[in-house]
Amino acid sequence: MRQSLRAKVIEICDRKIAQKGPNVGLSFYAFFANRNDDPDLLMEAATWWIKTHQLDHFEKAVKIREMVVSGKLSVI
């Protein structure tokens, strides 16, 4: 996972947790605008989320943040 995506994931998770509390869930789409302006980055996030870690469509933001911070960043 590239550094820019890593930073964005942490930022979005922090914001969602602050707004809605520690039980808030999100999908990898939460890290992107409604339009697909960076398909390579979207596919990188989807690969990390779906293929590499086999996560459900919605996961707790605290779980995703912890995974990124702890270094579970590899992509197949």
N, C-alpha and C. Protein backbone atom coordinates (compact mmCIF):
# COMPACT_ATOMS: atom_id res chain seq x y z
N MET A 1 0.84 -1.18 0.00
CA MET A 1 0.00 0.00 0.00
C MET A 1 0.89 1.24 0.00
N ARG A 2 0.66 2.09 -0.97
CA ARG A 2 1.49 3.30 -1.05
C ARG A 2 1.22 4.23 0.13
N GLN A 3 2.23 5.03 0.45
CA GLN A 3 2.17 5.91 1.62
C GLN A 3 0.99 6.88 1.55
N SER A 4 0.69 7.41 0.40
CA SER A 4 -0.42 8.37 0.28
C SER A 4 -1.76 7.71 0.64
N LEU A 5 -1.96 6.47 0.22
CA LEU A 5 -3.18 5.75 0.56
C LEU A 5 -3.21 5.42 2.04
N ARG A 6 -2.09 5.00 2.56
CA ARG A 6 -1.98 4.70 3.99
C ARG A 6 -2.38 5.91 4.83
N ALA A 7 -1.85 7.08 4.49
CA ALA A 7 -2.17 8.31 5.22
C ALA A 7 -3.65 8.65 5.10
N LYS A 8 -4.21 8.46 3.92
CA LYS A 8 -5.62 8.76 3.68
C LYS A 8 -6.51 7.83 4.50
N VAL A 9 -6.18 6.55 4.55
CA VAL A 9 -6.95 5.58 5.33
C VAL A 9 -6.97 5.98 6.80
N ILE A 10 -5.81 6.30 7.34
CA ILE A 10 -5.72 6.70 8.75
C ILE A 10 -6.53 7.96 9.00
N GLU A 11 -6.40 8.94 8.11
CA GLU A 11 -7.14 10.21 8.26
C GLU A 11 -8.65 9.98 8.25
N ILE A 12 -9.15 9.20 7.28
CA ILE A 12 -10.58 8.95 7.17
C ILE A 12 -11.08 8.15 8.37
N CYS A 13 -10.34 7.15 8.78
CA CYS A 13 -10.73 6.37 9.96
C CYS A 13 -10.79 7.25 11.19
N ASP A 14 -9.79 8.09 11.40
CA ASP A 14 -9.79 9.00 12.55
C ASP A 14 -11.01 9.91 12.52
N ARG A 15 -11.31 10.46 11.34
CA ARG A 15 -12.45 11.38 11.21
C ARG A 15 -13.77 10.66 11.49
N LYS A 16 -13.96 9.48 10.91
CA LYS A 16 -15.20 8.73 11.11
C LYS A 16 -15.37 8.33 12.57
N ILE A 17 -14.29 7.90 13.22
CA ILE A 17 -14.35 7.51 14.63
C ILE A 17 -14.71 8.72 15.49
N ALA A 18 -14.11 9.87 15.21
CA ALA A 18 -14.41 11.09 15.96
C ALA A 18 -15.86 11.52 15.78
N GLN A 19 -16.39 11.37 14.56
CA GLN A 19 -17.76 11.79 14.26
C GLN A 19 -18.81 10.84 14.82
N LYS A 20 -18.56 9.54 14.70
CA LYS A 20 -19.62 8.57 14.98
C LYS A 20 -19.29 7.55 16.07
N GLY A 21 -18.09 7.62 16.63
CA GLY A 21 -17.73 6.72 17.71
C GLY A 21 -16.97 5.48 17.24
N PRO A 22 -16.48 4.69 18.20
CA PRO A 22 -15.60 3.56 17.89
C PRO A 22 -16.28 2.38 17.20
N ASN A 23 -17.61 2.36 17.14
CA ASN A 23 -18.30 1.25 16.50
C ASN A 23 -18.66 1.53 15.05
N VAL A 24 -18.22 2.66 14.51
CA VAL A 24 -18.56 3.01 13.13
C VAL A 24 -17.89 2.03 12.16
N GLY A 25 -18.66 1.63 11.17
CA GLY A 25 -18.14 0.75 10.13
C GLY A 25 -17.93 1.53 8.84
N LEU A 26 -17.08 1.00 7.99
CA LEU A 26 -16.86 1.61 6.68
C LEU A 26 -16.38 0.58 5.70
N SER A 27 -16.46 0.93 4.43
CA SER A 27 -15.93 0.07 3.37
C SER A 27 -14.75 0.79 2.73
N PHE A 28 -14.04 0.13 1.85
CA PHE A 28 -12.88 0.78 1.22
C PHE A 28 -13.31 1.94 0.33
N TYR A 29 -14.58 1.98 -0.05
CA TYR A 29 -15.08 3.11 -0.84
C TYR A 29 -15.05 4.41 -0.05
N ALA A 30 -15.01 4.34 1.26
CA ALA A 30 -14.99 5.55 2.11
C ALA A 30 -13.75 6.40 1.85
N PHE A 31 -12.73 5.84 1.24
CA PHE A 31 -11.48 6.55 1.03
C PHE A 31 -11.42 7.27 -0.32
N PHE A 32 -12.55 7.27 -1.05
CA PHE A 32 -12.57 7.83 -2.40
C PHE A 32 -13.77 8.73 -2.60
N ALA A 33 -13.63 9.66 -3.54
CA ALA A 33 -14.74 10.52 -3.94
C ALA A 33 -15.77 9.68 -4.69
N ASN A 34 -16.92 10.23 -4.90
CA ASN A 34 -17.98 9.49 -5.62
C ASN A 34 -17.61 9.19 -7.06
N ARG A 35 -16.73 9.98 -7.64
CA ARG A 35 -16.32 9.68 -9.01
C ARG A 35 -14.99 8.91 -8.98
N ASN A 36 -14.78 8.11 -9.96
CA ASN A 36 -13.60 7.26 -10.04
C ASN A 36 -12.48 8.02 -10.74
N ASP A 37 -11.80 8.89 -10.00
CA ASP A 37 -10.75 9.72 -10.61
C ASP A 37 -9.36 9.11 -10.49
N ASP A 38 -9.22 8.00 -9.77
CA ASP A 38 -7.93 7.32 -9.66
C ASP A 38 -8.16 5.81 -9.58
N PRO A 39 -8.45 5.18 -10.71
CA PRO A 39 -8.79 3.75 -10.70
C PRO A 39 -7.66 2.86 -10.17
N ASP A 40 -6.41 3.23 -10.40
CA ASP A 40 -5.31 2.40 -9.89
C ASP A 40 -5.28 2.40 -8.37
N LEU A 41 -5.51 3.56 -7.77
CA LEU A 41 -5.52 3.65 -6.31
C LEU A 41 -6.73 2.91 -5.73
N LEU A 42 -7.87 3.03 -6.39
CA LEU A 42 -9.06 2.30 -5.96
C LEU A 42 -8.82 0.80 -6.00
N MET A 43 -8.20 0.31 -7.07
CA MET A 43 -7.91 -1.12 -7.18
C MET A 43 -6.89 -1.56 -6.14
N GLU A 44 -5.94 -0.70 -5.82
CA GLU A 44 -4.96 -1.02 -4.77
C GLU A 44 -5.67 -1.20 -3.43
N ALA A 45 -6.57 -0.30 -3.12
CA ALA A 45 -7.33 -0.40 -1.86
C ALA A 45 -8.22 -1.63 -1.86
N ALA A 46 -8.90 -1.89 -2.98
CA ALA A 46 -9.77 -3.05 -3.07
C ALA A 46 -8.99 -4.35 -2.94
N THR A 47 -7.83 -4.42 -3.56
CA THR A 47 -6.99 -5.61 -3.47
C THR A 47 -6.55 -5.85 -2.03
N TRP A 48 -6.10 -4.79 -1.37
CA TRP A 48 -5.68 -4.90 0.04
C TRP A 48 -6.84 -5.38 0.90
N TRP A 49 -8.02 -4.81 0.68
CA TRP A 49 -9.20 -5.08 1.50
C TRP A 49 -9.78 -6.47 1.22
N ILE A 50 -9.97 -6.78 -0.06
CA ILE A 50 -10.70 -7.99 -0.45
C ILE A 50 -9.80 -9.20 -0.63
N LYS A 51 -8.77 -9.07 -1.45
CA LYS A 51 -7.92 -10.23 -1.76
C LYS A 51 -6.92 -10.53 -0.65
N THR A 52 -6.19 -9.51 -0.22
CA THR A 52 -5.12 -9.75 0.74
C THR A 52 -5.64 -10.12 2.12
N HIS A 53 -6.64 -9.38 2.61
CA HIS A 53 -7.09 -9.59 3.99
C HIS A 53 -8.48 -10.20 4.09
N GLN A 54 -9.15 -10.42 2.97
CA GLN A 54 -10.46 -11.06 2.92
C GLN A 54 -11.43 -10.47 3.95
N LEU A 55 -11.49 -9.14 3.96
CA LEU A 55 -12.36 -8.43 4.89
C LEU A 55 -13.78 -8.40 4.35
N ASP A 56 -14.75 -8.26 5.25
CA ASP A 56 -16.14 -8.08 4.86
C ASP A 56 -16.31 -6.72 4.19
N HIS A 57 -17.46 -6.54 3.54
CA HIS A 57 -17.70 -5.26 2.86
C HIS A 57 -17.60 -4.09 3.85
N PHE A 58 -18.21 -4.22 5.02
CA PHE A 58 -18.10 -3.20 6.06
C PHE A 58 -17.30 -3.76 7.22
N GLU A 59 -16.34 -2.98 7.69
CA GLU A 59 -15.52 -3.33 8.84
C GLU A 59 -15.47 -2.13 9.78
N LYS A 60 -15.15 -2.38 11.01
CA LYS A 60 -15.01 -1.30 11.99
C LYS A 60 -13.81 -0.43 11.60
N ALA A 61 -14.00 0.87 11.67
CA ALA A 61 -12.93 1.81 11.33
C ALA A 61 -11.72 1.62 12.25
N VAL A 62 -11.98 1.30 13.53
CA VAL A 62 -10.85 1.10 14.45
C VAL A 62 -10.02 -0.11 14.04
N LYS A 63 -10.65 -1.15 13.52
CA LYS A 63 -9.93 -2.34 13.05
C LYS A 63 -9.06 -1.99 11.85
N ILE A 64 -9.63 -1.29 10.87
CA ILE A 64 -8.87 -0.93 9.67
C ILE A 64 -7.71 -0.03 10.03
N ARG A 65 -7.96 0.97 10.88
CA ARG A 65 -6.90 1.88 11.30
C ARG A 65 -5.76 1.11 11.96
N GLU A 66 -6.09 0.19 12.85
CA GLU A 66 -5.07 -0.59 13.54
C GLU A 66 -4.28 -1.45 12.56
N MET A 67 -4.95 -2.05 11.60
CA MET A 67 -4.25 -2.86 10.60
C MET A 67 -3.24 -2.03 9.82
N VAL A 68 -3.64 -0.84 9.42
CA VAL A 68 -2.75 0.04 8.63
C VAL A 68 -1.59 0.52 9.49
N VAL A 69 -1.90 0.96 10.70
CA VAL A 69 -0.84 1.47 11.60
C VAL A 69 0.15 0.36 11.96
N SER A 70 -0.36 -0.86 12.16
CA SER A 70 0.51 -1.96 12.60
C SER A 70 1.34 -2.54 11.47
N GLY A 71 1.06 -2.12 10.23
CA GLY A 71 1.91 -2.56 9.12
C GLY A 71 1.36 -3.68 8.29
N LYS A 72 0.09 -4.02 8.40
CA LYS A 72 -0.51 -5.06 7.55
C LYS A 72 -0.86 -4.44 6.23
N LEU A 73 0.18 -4.13 5.43
CA LEU A 73 0.02 -3.31 4.25
C LEU A 73 0.28 -4.03 2.95
N SER A 74 0.74 -5.25 2.99
CA SER A 74 1.15 -5.89 1.75
C SER A 74 -0.02 -6.09 0.80
N VAL A 75 0.29 -6.07 -0.48
CA VAL A 75 -0.70 -6.31 -1.52
C VAL A 75 -0.21 -7.50 -2.33
N ILE A 76 -1.13 -8.39 -2.70
CA ILE A 76 -0.77 -9.57 -3.50
C ILE A 76 -0.32 -9.12 -4.88
